[in-house]
């Protein structure tokens, strides 16, 4: 489990990278492969960004928020779940200490009465 504040930083950094690529597209004179090397990303990523930039300019390179389902757990429940996971699966009553998606799903259902259908 992360600290809870790294994900937003990652997405902001990726957006800044896309916007930098957009500035380089605008300047011209560089191939997608050269821009990829400069930014330390794949040529395919730059190709996709270039396509988006051509169609919609810099606005097309801006982030649109973090994708995925909203978390059904509140802040206190998420903190409790993190603590429970840190203690290990054996502490919860499983025979081994490894966490699997099925075990985490079971804990969330049992402790918080929340069902995530995508965890299987």
PDB file of N, CA and C in Angstrom:
ATOM      1  N   UNK A   1       0.840  -1.179   0.000  1.00  0.00           N
ATOM      2  CA  UNK A   1       0.000   0.000   0.000  1.00  0.00           C
ATOM      3  C   UNK A   1       0.887   1.245   0.000  1.00  0.00           C
ATOM      4  N   UNK A   2       0.500   2.242  -0.772  1.00  0.00           N
ATOM      5  CA  UNK A   2       1.262   3.468  -0.828  1.00  0.00           C
ATOM      6  C   UNK A   2       0.896   4.391   0.316  1.00  0.00           C
ATOM      7  N   UNK A   3       1.452   5.578   0.250  1.00  0.00           N
ATOM      8  CA  UNK A   3       1.210   6.542   1.312  1.00  0.00           C
ATOM      9  C   UNK A   3      -0.059   7.335   1.082  1.00  0.00           C
ATOM     10  N   UNK A   4      -0.634   7.202  -0.109  1.00  0.00           N
ATOM     11  CA  UNK A   4      -1.864   7.917  -0.371  1.00  0.00           C
ATOM     12  C   UNK A   4      -1.659   9.237  -1.078  1.00  0.00           C
ATOM     13  N   UNK A   5      -0.420   9.699  -1.220  1.00  0.00           N
ATOM     14  CA  UNK A   5      -0.226  10.963  -1.899  1.00  0.00           C
ATOM     15  C   UNK A   5       0.705  10.853  -3.098  1.00  0.00           C
ATOM     16  N   UNK A   6       1.111   9.692  -3.486  1.00  0.00           N
ATOM     17  CA  UNK A   6       1.992   9.540  -4.635  1.00  0.00           C
ATOM     18  C   UNK A   6       1.275   9.469  -5.963  1.00  0.00           C
ATOM     19  N   UNK A   7       0.047   8.976  -5.977  1.00  0.00           N
ATOM     20  CA  UNK A   7      -0.668   8.772  -7.227  1.00  0.00           C
ATOM     21  C   UNK A   7      -0.938  10.084  -7.942  1.00  0.00           C
ATOM     22  N   UNK A   8      -1.414  11.075  -7.219  1.00  0.00           N
ATOM     23  CA  UNK A   8      -1.670  12.378  -7.831  1.00  0.00           C
ATOM     24  C   UNK A   8      -0.406  13.001  -8.381  1.00  0.00           C
ATOM     25  N   UNK A   9       0.694  12.850  -7.655  1.00  0.00           N
ATOM     26  CA  UNK A   9       1.976  13.373  -8.124  1.00  0.00           C
ATOM     27  C   UNK A   9       2.374  12.710  -9.436  1.00  0.00           C
ATOM     28  N   UNK A  10       2.186  11.409  -9.515  1.00  0.00           N
ATOM     29  CA  UNK A  10       2.514  10.672 -10.735  1.00  0.00           C
ATOM     30  C   UNK A  10       1.697  11.193 -11.912  1.00  0.00           C
ATOM     31  N   UNK A  11       0.391  11.376 -11.709  1.00  0.00           N
ATOM     32  CA  UNK A  11      -0.469  11.830 -12.800  1.00  0.00           C
ATOM     33  C   UNK A  11      -0.144  13.255 -13.221  1.00  0.00           C
ATOM     34  N   UNK A  12       0.197  14.105 -12.258  1.00  0.00           N
ATOM     35  CA  UNK A  12       0.603  15.473 -12.605  1.00  0.00           C
ATOM     36  C   UNK A  12       1.902  15.466 -13.394  1.00  0.00           C
ATOM     37  N   UNK A  13       2.834  14.615 -12.998  1.00  0.00           N
ATOM     38  CA  UNK A  13       4.114  14.525 -13.719  1.00  0.00           C
ATOM     39  C   UNK A  13       3.904  14.022 -15.139  1.00  0.00           C
ATOM     40  N   UNK A  14       3.024  13.031 -15.302  1.00  0.00           N
ATOM     41  CA  UNK A  14       2.737  12.522 -16.656  1.00  0.00           C
ATOM     42  C   UNK A  14       2.076  13.601 -17.508  1.00  0.00           C
ATOM     43  N   UNK A  15       1.155  14.366 -16.917  1.00  0.00           N
ATOM     44  CA  UNK A  15       0.527  15.439 -17.673  1.00  0.00           C
ATOM     45  C   UNK A  15       1.570  16.467 -18.097  1.00  0.00           C
ATOM     46  N   UNK A  16       2.470  16.822 -17.193  1.00  0.00           N
ATOM     47  CA  UNK A  16       3.513  17.787 -17.530  1.00  0.00           C
ATOM     48  C   UNK A  16       4.389  17.253 -18.660  1.00  0.00           C
ATOM     49  N   UNK A  17       4.667  15.963 -18.639  1.00  0.00           N
ATOM     50  CA  UNK A  17       5.461  15.345 -19.699  1.00  0.00           C
ATOM     51  C   UNK A  17       4.730  15.447 -21.040  1.00  0.00           C
ATOM     52  N   UNK A  18       3.424  15.183 -21.045  1.00  0.00           N
ATOM     53  CA  UNK A  18       2.640  15.299 -22.282  1.00  0.00           C
ATOM     54  C   UNK A  18       2.637  16.731 -22.794  1.00  0.00           C
ATOM     55  N   UNK A  19       2.503  17.696 -21.876  1.00  0.00           N
ATOM     56  CA  UNK A  19       2.500  19.098 -22.278  1.00  0.00           C
ATOM     57  C   UNK A  19       3.857  19.523 -22.828  1.00  0.00           C
ATOM     58  N   UNK A  20       4.925  19.008 -22.232  1.00  0.00           N
ATOM     59  CA  UNK A  20       6.275  19.276 -22.760  1.00  0.00           C
ATOM     60  C   UNK A  20       6.401  18.701 -24.164  1.00  0.00           C
ATOM     61  N   UNK A  21       5.883  17.505 -24.357  1.00  0.00           N
ATOM     62  CA  UNK A  21       5.889  16.903 -25.695  1.00  0.00           C
ATOM     63  C   UNK A  21       5.129  17.802 -26.664  1.00  0.00           C
ATOM     64  N   UNK A  22       4.002  18.347 -26.226  1.00  0.00           N
ATOM     65  CA  UNK A  22       3.221  19.247 -27.073  1.00  0.00           C
ATOM     66  C   UNK A  22       4.021  20.473 -27.492  1.00  0.00           C
ATOM     67  N   UNK A  23       4.803  21.023 -26.571  1.00  0.00           N
ATOM     68  CA  UNK A  23       5.661  22.164 -26.915  1.00  0.00           C
ATOM     69  C   UNK A  23       6.698  21.763 -27.956  1.00  0.00           C
ATOM     70  N   UNK A  24       7.239  20.556 -27.811  1.00  0.00           N
ATOM     71  CA  UNK A  24       8.224  20.062 -28.771  1.00  0.00           C
ATOM     72  C   UNK A  24       7.581  19.794 -30.129  1.00  0.00           C
ATOM     73  N   UNK A  25       6.331  19.296 -30.147  1.00  0.00           N
ATOM     74  CA  UNK A  25       5.625  19.112 -31.420  1.00  0.00           C
ATOM     75  C   UNK A  25       5.472  20.459 -32.121  1.00  0.00           C
ATOM     76  N   UNK A  26       5.101  21.471 -31.326  1.00  0.00           N
ATOM     77  CA  UNK A  26       4.879  22.806 -31.873  1.00  0.00           C
ATOM     78  C   UNK A  26       6.160  23.395 -32.454  1.00  0.00           C
ATOM     79  N   UNK A  27       7.287  23.155 -31.786  1.00  0.00           N
ATOM     80  CA  UNK A  27       8.572  23.658 -32.279  1.00  0.00           C
ATOM     81  C   UNK A  27       8.968  23.007 -33.590  1.00  0.00           C
ATOM     82  N   UNK A  28       8.581  21.747 -33.733  1.00  0.00           N
ATOM     83  CA  UNK A  28       8.930  21.015 -34.944  1.00  0.00           C
ATOM     84  C   UNK A  28      10.394  20.605 -34.949  1.00  0.00           C
ATOM     85  N   UNK A  29      10.799  19.888 -36.000  1.00  0.00           N
ATOM     86  CA  UNK A  29      12.197  19.527 -36.173  1.00  0.00           C
ATOM     87  C   UNK A  29      12.646  18.269 -35.450  1.00  0.00           C
ATOM     88  N   UNK A  30      11.763  17.648 -34.667  1.00  0.00           N
ATOM     89  CA  UNK A  30      12.132  16.417 -33.965  1.00  0.00           C
ATOM     90  C   UNK A  30      11.135  15.321 -34.303  1.00  0.00           C
ATOM     91  N   UNK A  31      11.644  14.111 -34.401  1.00  0.00           N
ATOM     92  CA  UNK A  31      10.763  12.969 -34.619  1.00  0.00           C
ATOM     93  C   UNK A  31      10.160  12.532 -33.287  1.00  0.00           C
ATOM     94  N   UNK A  32       9.104  11.733 -33.377  1.00  0.00           N
ATOM     95  CA  UNK A  32       8.503  11.187 -32.158  1.00  0.00           C
ATOM     96  C   UNK A  32       9.527  10.370 -31.374  1.00  0.00           C
ATOM     97  N   UNK A  33      10.360   9.629 -32.100  1.00  0.00           N
ATOM     98  CA  UNK A  33      11.381   8.799 -31.434  1.00  0.00           C
ATOM     99  C   UNK A  33      12.378   9.671 -30.683  1.00  0.00           C
ATOM    100  N   UNK A  34      12.767  10.805 -31.263  1.00  0.00           N
ATOM    101  CA  UNK A  34      13.707  11.716 -30.576  1.00  0.00           C
ATOM    102  C   UNK A  34      13.066  12.306 -29.316  1.00  0.00           C
ATOM    103  N   UNK A  35      11.802  12.692 -29.431  1.00  0.00           N
ATOM    104  CA  UNK A  35      11.089  13.243 -28.277  1.00  0.00           C
ATOM    105  C   UNK A  35      10.949  12.174 -27.193  1.00  0.00           C
ATOM    106  N   UNK A  36      10.684  10.946 -27.603  1.00  0.00           N
ATOM    107  CA  UNK A  36      10.572   9.844 -26.642  1.00  0.00           C
ATOM    108  C   UNK A  36      11.875   9.677 -25.874  1.00  0.00           C
ATOM    109  N   UNK A  37      13.002   9.725 -26.570  1.00  0.00           N
ATOM    110  CA  UNK A  37      14.301   9.599 -25.889  1.00  0.00           C
ATOM    111  C   UNK A  37      14.536  10.767 -24.941  1.00  0.00           C
ATOM    112  N   UNK A  38      14.200  11.965 -25.368  1.00  0.00           N
ATOM    113  CA  UNK A  38      14.378  13.142 -24.507  1.00  0.00           C
ATOM    114  C   UNK A  38      13.555  13.040 -23.219  1.00  0.00           C
ATOM    115  N   UNK A  39      12.347  12.519 -23.345  1.00  0.00           N
ATOM    116  CA  UNK A  39      11.443  12.462 -22.196  1.00  0.00           C
ATOM    117  C   UNK A  39      11.530  11.159 -21.421  1.00  0.00           C
ATOM    118  N   UNK A  40      12.233  10.174 -21.985  1.00  0.00           N
ATOM    119  CA  UNK A  40      12.382   8.897 -21.298  1.00  0.00           C
ATOM    120  C   UNK A  40      11.118   8.058 -21.306  1.00  0.00           C
ATOM    121  N   UNK A  41      10.359   8.142 -22.391  1.00  0.00           N
ATOM    122  CA  UNK A  41       9.140   7.358 -22.538  1.00  0.00           C
ATOM    123  C   UNK A  41       9.203   6.576 -23.838  1.00  0.00           C
ATOM    124  N   UNK A  42       8.210   5.738 -24.079  1.00  0.00           N
ATOM    125  CA  UNK A  42       8.212   4.938 -25.299  1.00  0.00           C
ATOM    126  C   UNK A  42       7.829   5.791 -26.509  1.00  0.00           C
ATOM    127  N   UNK A  43       8.338   5.380 -27.662  1.00  0.00           N
ATOM    128  CA  UNK A  43       7.986   6.064 -28.906  1.00  0.00           C
ATOM    129  C   UNK A  43       6.494   5.936 -29.167  1.00  0.00           C
ATOM    130  N   UNK A  44       5.896   4.814 -28.766  1.00  0.00           N
ATOM    131  CA  UNK A  44       4.456   4.624 -28.964  1.00  0.00           C
ATOM    132  C   UNK A  44       3.651   5.642 -28.157  1.00  0.00           C
ATOM    133  N   UNK A  45       4.089   5.909 -26.928  1.00  0.00           N
ATOM    134  CA  UNK A  45       3.397   6.910 -26.110  1.00  0.00           C
ATOM    135  C   UNK A  45       3.452   8.275 -26.792  1.00  0.00           C
ATOM    136  N   UNK A  46       4.633   8.650 -27.271  1.00  0.00           N
ATOM    137  CA  UNK A  46       4.781   9.948 -27.937  1.00  0.00           C
ATOM    138  C   UNK A  46       3.949   9.981 -29.216  1.00  0.00           C
ATOM    139  N   UNK A  47       3.928   8.883 -29.958  1.00  0.00           N
ATOM    140  CA  UNK A  47       3.103   8.820 -31.168  1.00  0.00           C
ATOM    141  C   UNK A  47       1.636   9.080 -30.816  1.00  0.00           C
ATOM    142  N   UNK A  48       1.148   8.441 -29.731  1.00  0.00           N
ATOM    143  CA  UNK A  48      -0.242   8.645 -29.298  1.00  0.00           C
ATOM    144  C   UNK A  48      -0.486  10.087 -28.885  1.00  0.00           C
ATOM    145  N   UNK A  49       0.465  10.663 -28.140  1.00  0.00           N
ATOM    146  CA  UNK A  49       0.333  12.057 -27.721  1.00  0.00           C
ATOM    147  C   UNK A  49       0.327  12.981 -28.930  1.00  0.00           C
ATOM    148  N   UNK A  50       1.192  12.687 -29.911  1.00  0.00           N
ATOM    149  CA  UNK A  50       1.283  13.521 -31.105  1.00  0.00           C
ATOM    150  C   UNK A  50      -0.043  13.484 -31.869  1.00  0.00           C
ATOM    151  N   UNK A  51      -0.613  12.313 -31.967  1.00  0.00           N
ATOM    152  CA  UNK A  51      -1.910  12.155 -32.638  1.00  0.00           C
ATOM    153  C   UNK A  51      -2.975  12.978 -31.909  1.00  0.00           C
ATOM    154  N   UNK A  52      -3.008  12.886 -30.577  1.00  0.00           N
ATOM    155  CA  UNK A  52      -3.976  13.645 -29.782  1.00  0.00           C
ATOM    156  C   UNK A  52      -3.732  15.144 -29.935  1.00  0.00           C
ATOM    157  N   UNK A  53      -2.465  15.563 -29.920  1.00  0.00           N
ATOM    158  CA  UNK A  53      -2.109  16.971 -30.043  1.00  0.00           C
ATOM    159  C   UNK A  53      -2.523  17.514 -31.413  1.00  0.00           C
ATOM    160  N   UNK A  54      -2.308  16.719 -32.458  1.00  0.00           N
ATOM    161  CA  UNK A  54      -2.687  17.136 -33.809  1.00  0.00           C
ATOM    162  C   UNK A  54      -4.201  17.342 -33.893  1.00  0.00           C
ATOM    163  N   UNK A  55      -4.951  16.479 -33.242  1.00  0.00           N
ATOM    164  CA  UNK A  55      -6.409  16.557 -33.290  1.00  0.00           C
ATOM    165  C   UNK A  55      -6.985  17.637 -32.382  1.00  0.00           C
ATOM    166  N   UNK A  56      -6.331  17.879 -31.229  1.00  0.00           N
ATOM    167  CA  UNK A  56      -6.951  18.782 -30.253  1.00  0.00           C
ATOM    168  C   UNK A  56      -6.036  19.761 -29.562  1.00  0.00           C
ATOM    169  N   UNK A  57      -4.794  19.873 -30.005  1.00  0.00           N
ATOM    170  CA  UNK A  57      -3.874  20.813 -29.378  1.00  0.00           C
ATOM    171  C   UNK A  57      -3.478  20.397 -27.963  1.00  0.00           C
ATOM    172  N   UNK A  58      -2.930  21.350 -27.239  1.00  0.00           N
ATOM    173  CA  UNK A  58      -2.440  21.071 -25.889  1.00  0.00           C
ATOM    174  C   UNK A  58      -3.548  20.619 -24.941  1.00  0.00           C
ATOM    175  N   UNK A  59      -4.770  21.099 -25.152  1.00  0.00           N
ATOM    176  CA  UNK A  59      -5.880  20.680 -24.289  1.00  0.00           C
ATOM    177  C   UNK A  59      -6.094  19.176 -24.350  1.00  0.00           C
ATOM    178  N   UNK A  60      -5.813  18.583 -25.504  1.00  0.00           N
ATOM    179  CA  UNK A  60      -5.988  17.136 -25.661  1.00  0.00           C
ATOM    180  C   UNK A  60      -4.944  16.353 -24.865  1.00  0.00           C
ATOM    181  N   UNK A  61      -3.883  17.027 -24.425  1.00  0.00           N
ATOM    182  CA  UNK A  61      -2.821  16.371 -23.670  1.00  0.00           C
ATOM    183  C   UNK A  61      -3.005  16.509 -22.163  1.00  0.00           C
ATOM    184  N   UNK A  62      -3.968  17.288 -21.751  1.00  0.00           N
ATOM    185  CA  UNK A  62      -4.212  17.487 -20.317  1.00  0.00           C
ATOM    186  C   UNK A  62      -4.907  16.274 -19.727  1.00  0.00           C
ATOM    187  N   UNK A  63      -4.632  16.016 -18.459  1.00  0.00           N
ATOM    188  CA  UNK A  63      -5.262  14.897 -17.767  1.00  0.00           C
ATOM    189  C   UNK A  63      -6.736  15.158 -17.542  1.00  0.00           C
ATOM    190  N   UNK A  64      -7.482  14.096 -17.438  1.00  0.00           N
ATOM    191  CA  UNK A  64      -8.917  14.199 -17.203  1.00  0.00           C
ATOM    192  C   UNK A  64      -9.289  13.526 -15.892  1.00  0.00           C
ATOM    193  N   UNK A  65      -8.393  13.584 -14.927  1.00  0.00           N
ATOM    194  CA  UNK A  65      -8.646  12.947 -13.643  1.00  0.00           C
ATOM    195  C   UNK A  65      -8.191  11.501 -13.660  1.00  0.00           C
ATOM    196  N   UNK A  66      -8.216  10.890 -12.519  1.00  0.00           N
ATOM    197  CA  UNK A  66      -7.782   9.505 -12.378  1.00  0.00           C
ATOM    198  C   UNK A  66      -8.952   8.598 -12.723  1.00  0.00           C
ATOM    199  N   UNK A  67      -8.699   7.676 -13.626  1.00  0.00           N
ATOM    200  CA  UNK A  67      -9.747   6.762 -14.062  1.00  0.00           C
ATOM    201  C   UNK A  67     -10.016   5.711 -12.996  1.00  0.00           C
ATOM    202  N   UNK A  68     -11.145   5.083 -13.117  1.00  0.00           N
ATOM    203  CA  UNK A  68     -11.473   3.985 -12.214  1.00  0.00           C
ATOM    204  C   UNK A  68     -12.670   4.306 -11.347  1.00  0.00           C
ATOM    205  N   UNK A  69     -13.139   3.293 -10.686  1.00  0.00           N
ATOM    206  CA  UNK A  69     -14.312   3.437  -9.838  1.00  0.00           C
ATOM    207  C   UNK A  69     -13.972   4.248  -8.587  1.00  0.00           C
ATOM    208  N   UNK A  70     -14.965   4.934  -8.083  1.00  0.00           N
ATOM    209  CA  UNK A  70     -14.809   5.650  -6.831  1.00  0.00           C
ATOM    210  C   UNK A  70     -14.689   4.637  -5.698  1.00  0.00           C
ATOM    211  N   UNK A  71     -13.903   4.973  -4.712  1.00  0.00           N
ATOM    212  CA  UNK A  71     -13.749   4.100  -3.552  1.00  0.00           C
ATOM    213  C   UNK A  71     -14.996   4.209  -2.684  1.00  0.00           C
ATOM    214  N   UNK A  72     -15.549   3.068  -2.320  1.00  0.00           N
ATOM    215  CA  UNK A  72     -16.755   3.049  -1.492  1.00  0.00           C
ATOM    216  C   UNK A  72     -16.435   3.155  -0.003  1.00  0.00           C
ATOM    217  N   UNK A  73     -15.154   3.088   0.347  1.00  0.00           N
ATOM    218  CA  UNK A  73     -14.752   3.193   1.747  1.00  0.00           C
ATOM    219  C   UNK A  73     -14.454   4.648   2.088  1.00  0.00           C
ATOM    220  N   UNK A  74     -14.847   5.072   3.273  1.00  0.00           N
ATOM    221  CA  UNK A  74     -14.512   6.434   3.698  1.00  0.00           C
ATOM    222  C   UNK A  74     -13.075   6.466   4.228  1.00  0.00           C
ATOM    223  N   UNK A  75     -12.602   7.626   4.616  1.00  0.00           N
ATOM    224  CA  UNK A  75     -11.213   7.790   5.061  1.00  0.00           C
ATOM    225  C   UNK A  75     -10.871   6.889   6.250  1.00  0.00           C
ATOM    226  N   UNK A  76     -11.767   6.804   7.219  1.00  0.00           N
ATOM    227  CA  UNK A  76     -11.517   5.976   8.405  1.00  0.00           C
ATOM    228  C   UNK A  76     -11.447   4.500   8.012  1.00  0.00           C
ATOM    229  N   UNK A  77     -12.352   4.069   7.156  1.00  0.00           N
ATOM    230  CA  UNK A  77     -12.351   2.669   6.718  1.00  0.00           C
ATOM    231  C   UNK A  77     -11.085   2.342   5.931  1.00  0.00           C
ATOM    232  N   UNK A  78     -10.656   3.253   5.058  1.00  0.00           N
ATOM    233  CA  UNK A  78      -9.419   3.017   4.299  1.00  0.00           C
ATOM    234  C   UNK A  78      -8.222   2.932   5.230  1.00  0.00           C
ATOM    235  N   UNK A  79      -8.177   3.784   6.246  1.00  0.00           N
ATOM    236  CA  UNK A  79      -7.081   3.730   7.228  1.00  0.00           C
ATOM    237  C   UNK A  79      -7.122   2.400   7.984  1.00  0.00           C
ATOM    238  N   UNK A  80      -8.310   1.977   8.384  1.00  0.00           N
ATOM    239  CA  UNK A  80      -8.449   0.696   9.083  1.00  0.00           C
ATOM    240  C   UNK A  80      -8.020  -0.466   8.188  1.00  0.00           C
ATOM    241  N   UNK A  81      -8.398  -0.428   6.921  1.00  0.00           N
ATOM    242  CA  UNK A  81      -8.009  -1.486   5.993  1.00  0.00           C
ATOM    243  C   UNK A  81      -6.494  -1.511   5.805  1.00  0.00           C
ATOM    244  N   UNK A  82      -5.874  -0.359   5.635  1.00  0.00           N
ATOM    245  CA  UNK A  82      -4.405  -0.310   5.496  1.00  0.00           C
ATOM    246  C   UNK A  82      -3.723  -0.930   6.705  1.00  0.00           C
ATOM    247  N   UNK A  83      -4.207  -0.604   7.901  1.00  0.00           N
ATOM    248  CA  UNK A  83      -3.614  -1.145   9.120  1.00  0.00           C
ATOM    249  C   UNK A  83      -3.807  -2.659   9.184  1.00  0.00           C
ATOM    250  N   UNK A  84      -4.980  -3.113   8.846  1.00  0.00           N
ATOM    251  CA  UNK A  84      -5.263  -4.542   8.849  1.00  0.00           C
ATOM    252  C   UNK A  84      -4.344  -5.271   7.855  1.00  0.00           C
ATOM    253  N   UNK A  85      -4.168  -4.704   6.673  1.00  0.00           N
ATOM    254  CA  UNK A  85      -3.302  -5.332   5.668  1.00  0.00           C
ATOM    255  C   UNK A  85      -1.843  -5.338   6.120  1.00  0.00           C
ATOM    256  N   UNK A  86      -1.412  -4.290   6.787  1.00  0.00           N
ATOM    257  CA  UNK A  86      -0.029  -4.231   7.293  1.00  0.00           C
ATOM    258  C   UNK A  86       0.240  -5.337   8.327  1.00  0.00           C
ATOM    259  N   UNK A  87      -0.763  -5.645   9.135  1.00  0.00           N
ATOM    260  CA  UNK A  87      -0.583  -6.670  10.170  1.00  0.00           C
ATOM    261  C   UNK A  87      -0.439  -8.058   9.560  1.00  0.00           C
ATOM    262  N   UNK A  88      -0.956  -8.260   8.369  1.00  0.00           N
ATOM    263  CA  UNK A  88      -0.804  -9.541   7.691  1.00  0.00           C
ATOM    264  C   UNK A  88      -2.057 -10.396   7.730  1.00  0.00           C
ATOM    265  N   UNK A  89      -2.130 -11.296   6.782  1.00  0.00           N
ATOM    266  CA  UNK A  89      -3.305 -12.153   6.629  1.00  0.00           C
ATOM    267  C   UNK A  89      -3.465 -13.139   7.781  1.00  0.00           C
ATOM    268  N   UNK A  90      -2.336 -13.619   8.333  1.00  0.00           N
ATOM    269  CA  UNK A  90      -2.428 -14.545   9.472  1.00  0.00           C
ATOM    270  C   UNK A  90      -3.111 -13.875  10.653  1.00  0.00           C
ATOM    271  N   UNK A  91      -2.809 -12.622  10.887  1.00  0.00           N
ATOM    272  CA  UNK A  91      -3.413 -11.891  11.993  1.00  0.00           C
ATOM    273  C   UNK A  91      -4.931 -11.808  11.833  1.00  0.00           C
ATOM    274  N   UNK A  92      -5.390 -11.816  10.584  1.00  0.00           N
ATOM    275  CA  UNK A  92      -6.829 -11.775  10.324  1.00  0.00           C
ATOM    276  C   UNK A  92      -7.464 -13.154  10.453  1.00  0.00           C
ATOM    277  N   UNK A  93      -6.652 -14.215  10.431  1.00  0.00           N
ATOM    278  CA  UNK A  93      -7.177 -15.559  10.598  1.00  0.00           C
ATOM    279  C   UNK A  93      -6.926 -16.502   9.433  1.00  0.00           C
ATOM    280  N   UNK A  94      -6.215 -16.020   8.412  1.00  0.00           N
ATOM    281  CA  UNK A  94      -5.883 -16.894   7.296  1.00  0.00           C
ATOM    282  C   UNK A  94      -4.698 -17.783   7.674  1.00  0.00           C
ATOM    283  N   UNK A  95      -4.551 -18.910   6.978  1.00  0.00           N
ATOM    284  CA  UNK A  95      -3.508 -19.878   7.333  1.00  0.00           C
ATOM    285  C   UNK A  95      -2.108 -19.422   6.937  1.00  0.00           C
ATOM    286  N   UNK A  96      -1.998 -18.561   5.951  1.00  0.00           N
ATOM    287  CA  UNK A  96      -0.693 -18.022   5.538  1.00  0.00           C
ATOM    288  C   UNK A  96      -0.763 -16.502   5.589  1.00  0.00           C
ATOM    289  N   UNK A  97       0.390 -15.847   5.487  1.00  0.00           N
ATOM    290  CA  UNK A  97       0.429 -14.397   5.658  1.00  0.00           C
ATOM    291  C   UNK A  97       0.282 -13.608   4.363  1.00  0.00           C
ATOM    292  N   UNK A  98       0.136 -14.286   3.238  1.00  0.00           N
ATOM    293  CA  UNK A  98       0.020 -13.568   1.969  1.00  0.00           C
ATOM    294  C   UNK A  98      -1.373 -13.043   1.707  1.00  0.00           C
ATOM    295  N   UNK A  99      -1.440 -11.824   1.141  1.00  0.00           N
ATOM    296  CA  UNK A  99      -2.725 -11.253   0.755  1.00  0.00           C
ATOM    297  C   UNK A  99      -2.974 -11.558  -0.719  1.00  0.00           C
ATOM    298  N   UNK A 100      -4.164 -12.014  -1.020  1.00  0.00           N
ATOM    299  CA  UNK A 100      -4.607 -12.201  -2.406  1.00  0.00           C
ATOM    300  C   UNK A 100      -5.812 -11.295  -2.623  1.00  0.00           C
ATOM    301  N   UNK A 101      -6.175 -11.069  -3.878  1.00  0.00           N
ATOM    302  CA  UNK A 101      -7.367 -10.266  -4.136  1.00  0.00           C
ATOM    303  C   UNK A 101      -8.598 -10.874  -3.477  1.00  0.00           C
ATOM    304  N   UNK A 102      -8.702 -12.196  -3.538  1.00  0.00           N
ATOM    305  CA  UNK A 102      -9.858 -12.865  -2.935  1.00  0.00           C
ATOM    306  C   UNK A 102      -9.904 -12.615  -1.421  1.00  0.00           C
ATOM    307  N   UNK A 103      -8.753 -12.650  -0.767  1.00  0.00           N
ATOM    308  CA  UNK A 103      -8.713 -12.411   0.683  1.00  0.00           C
ATOM    309  C   UNK A 103      -9.050 -10.965   1.014  1.00  0.00           C
ATOM    310  N   UNK A 104      -8.490 -10.032   0.248  1.00  0.00           N
ATOM    311  CA  UNK A 104      -8.777  -8.615   0.490  1.00  0.00           C
ATOM    312  C   UNK A 104     -10.263  -8.353   0.270  1.00  0.00           C
ATOM    313  N   UNK A 105     -10.814  -8.930  -0.790  1.00  0.00           N
ATOM    314  CA  UNK A 105     -12.242  -8.779  -1.073  1.00  0.00           C
ATOM    315  C   UNK A 105     -13.070  -9.294   0.109  1.00  0.00           C
ATOM    316  N   UNK A 106     -12.716 -10.457   0.629  1.00  0.00           N
ATOM    317  CA  UNK A 106     -13.437 -11.044   1.768  1.00  0.00           C
ATOM    318  C   UNK A 106     -13.374 -10.130   2.994  1.00  0.00           C
ATOM    319  N   UNK A 107     -12.184  -9.589   3.269  1.00  0.00           N
ATOM    320  CA  UNK A 107     -12.017  -8.686   4.413  1.00  0.00           C
ATOM    321  C   UNK A 107     -12.898  -7.448   4.241  1.00  0.00           C
ATOM    322  N   UNK A 108     -12.887  -6.871   3.049  1.00  0.00           N
ATOM    323  CA  UNK A 108     -13.688  -5.664   2.808  1.00  0.00           C
ATOM    324  C   UNK A 108     -15.170  -5.961   3.005  1.00  0.00           C
ATOM    325  N   UNK A 109     -15.616  -7.101   2.513  1.00  0.00           N
ATOM    326  CA  UNK A 109     -17.023  -7.481   2.691  1.00  0.00           C
ATOM    327  C   UNK A 109     -17.338  -7.688   4.168  1.00  0.00           C
ATOM    328  N   UNK A 110     -16.499  -8.462   4.852  1.00  0.00           N
ATOM    329  CA  UNK A 110     -16.774  -8.798   6.251  1.00  0.00           C
ATOM    330  C   UNK A 110     -16.668  -7.594   7.180  1.00  0.00           C
ATOM    331  N   UNK A 111     -15.650  -6.776   6.970  1.00  0.00           N
ATOM    332  CA  UNK A 111     -15.414  -5.665   7.902  1.00  0.00           C
ATOM    333  C   UNK A 111     -16.250  -4.427   7.606  1.00  0.00           C
ATOM    334  N   UNK A 112     -16.497  -4.177   6.309  1.00  0.00           N
ATOM    335  CA  UNK A 112     -17.113  -2.903   5.936  1.00  0.00           C
ATOM    336  C   UNK A 112     -18.427  -3.059   5.177  1.00  0.00           C
ATOM    337  N   UNK A 113     -18.855  -4.300   4.918  1.00  0.00           N
ATOM    338  CA  UNK A 113     -20.101  -4.572   4.180  1.00  0.00           C
ATOM    339  C   UNK A 113     -20.123  -3.883   2.813  1.00  0.00           C
ATOM    340  N   UNK A 114     -18.970  -3.864   2.166  1.00  0.00           N
ATOM    341  CA  UNK A 114     -18.837  -3.270   0.833  1.00  0.00           C
ATOM    342  C   UNK A 114     -18.373  -4.346  -0.118  1.00  0.00           C
ATOM    343  N   UNK A 115     -19.013  -4.415  -1.297  1.00  0.00           N
ATOM    344  CA  UNK A 115     -18.655  -5.410  -2.301  1.00  0.00           C
ATOM    345  C   UNK A 115     -18.112  -4.699  -3.522  1.00  0.00           C
ATOM    346  N   UNK A 116     -16.902  -5.067  -3.910  1.00  0.00           N
ATOM    347  CA  UNK A 116     -16.306  -4.595  -5.157  1.00  0.00           C
ATOM    348  C   UNK A 116     -16.398  -5.740  -6.150  1.00  0.00           C
ATOM    349  N   UNK A 117     -17.265  -5.615  -7.133  1.00  0.00           N
ATOM    350  CA  UNK A 117     -17.453  -6.686  -8.109  1.00  0.00           C
ATOM    351  C   UNK A 117     -16.218  -6.941  -8.943  1.00  0.00           C
ATOM    352  N   UNK A 118     -15.376  -5.938  -9.165  1.00  0.00           N
ATOM    353  CA  UNK A 118     -14.215  -6.111 -10.035  1.00  0.00           C
ATOM    354  C   UNK A 118     -13.066  -6.839  -9.349  1.00  0.00           C
ATOM    355  N   UNK A 119     -13.116  -7.057  -8.051  1.00  0.00           N
ATOM    356  CA  UNK A 119     -12.076  -7.800  -7.354  1.00  0.00           C
ATOM    357  C   UNK A 119     -12.458  -9.273  -7.339  1.00  0.00           C
ATOM    358  N   UNK A 120     -11.828 -10.055  -8.184  1.00  0.00           N
ATOM    359  CA  UNK A 120     -12.146 -11.482  -8.176  1.00  0.00           C
ATOM    360  C   UNK A 120     -10.924 -12.329  -8.322  1.00  0.00           C
TER     361      UNK A 120
END
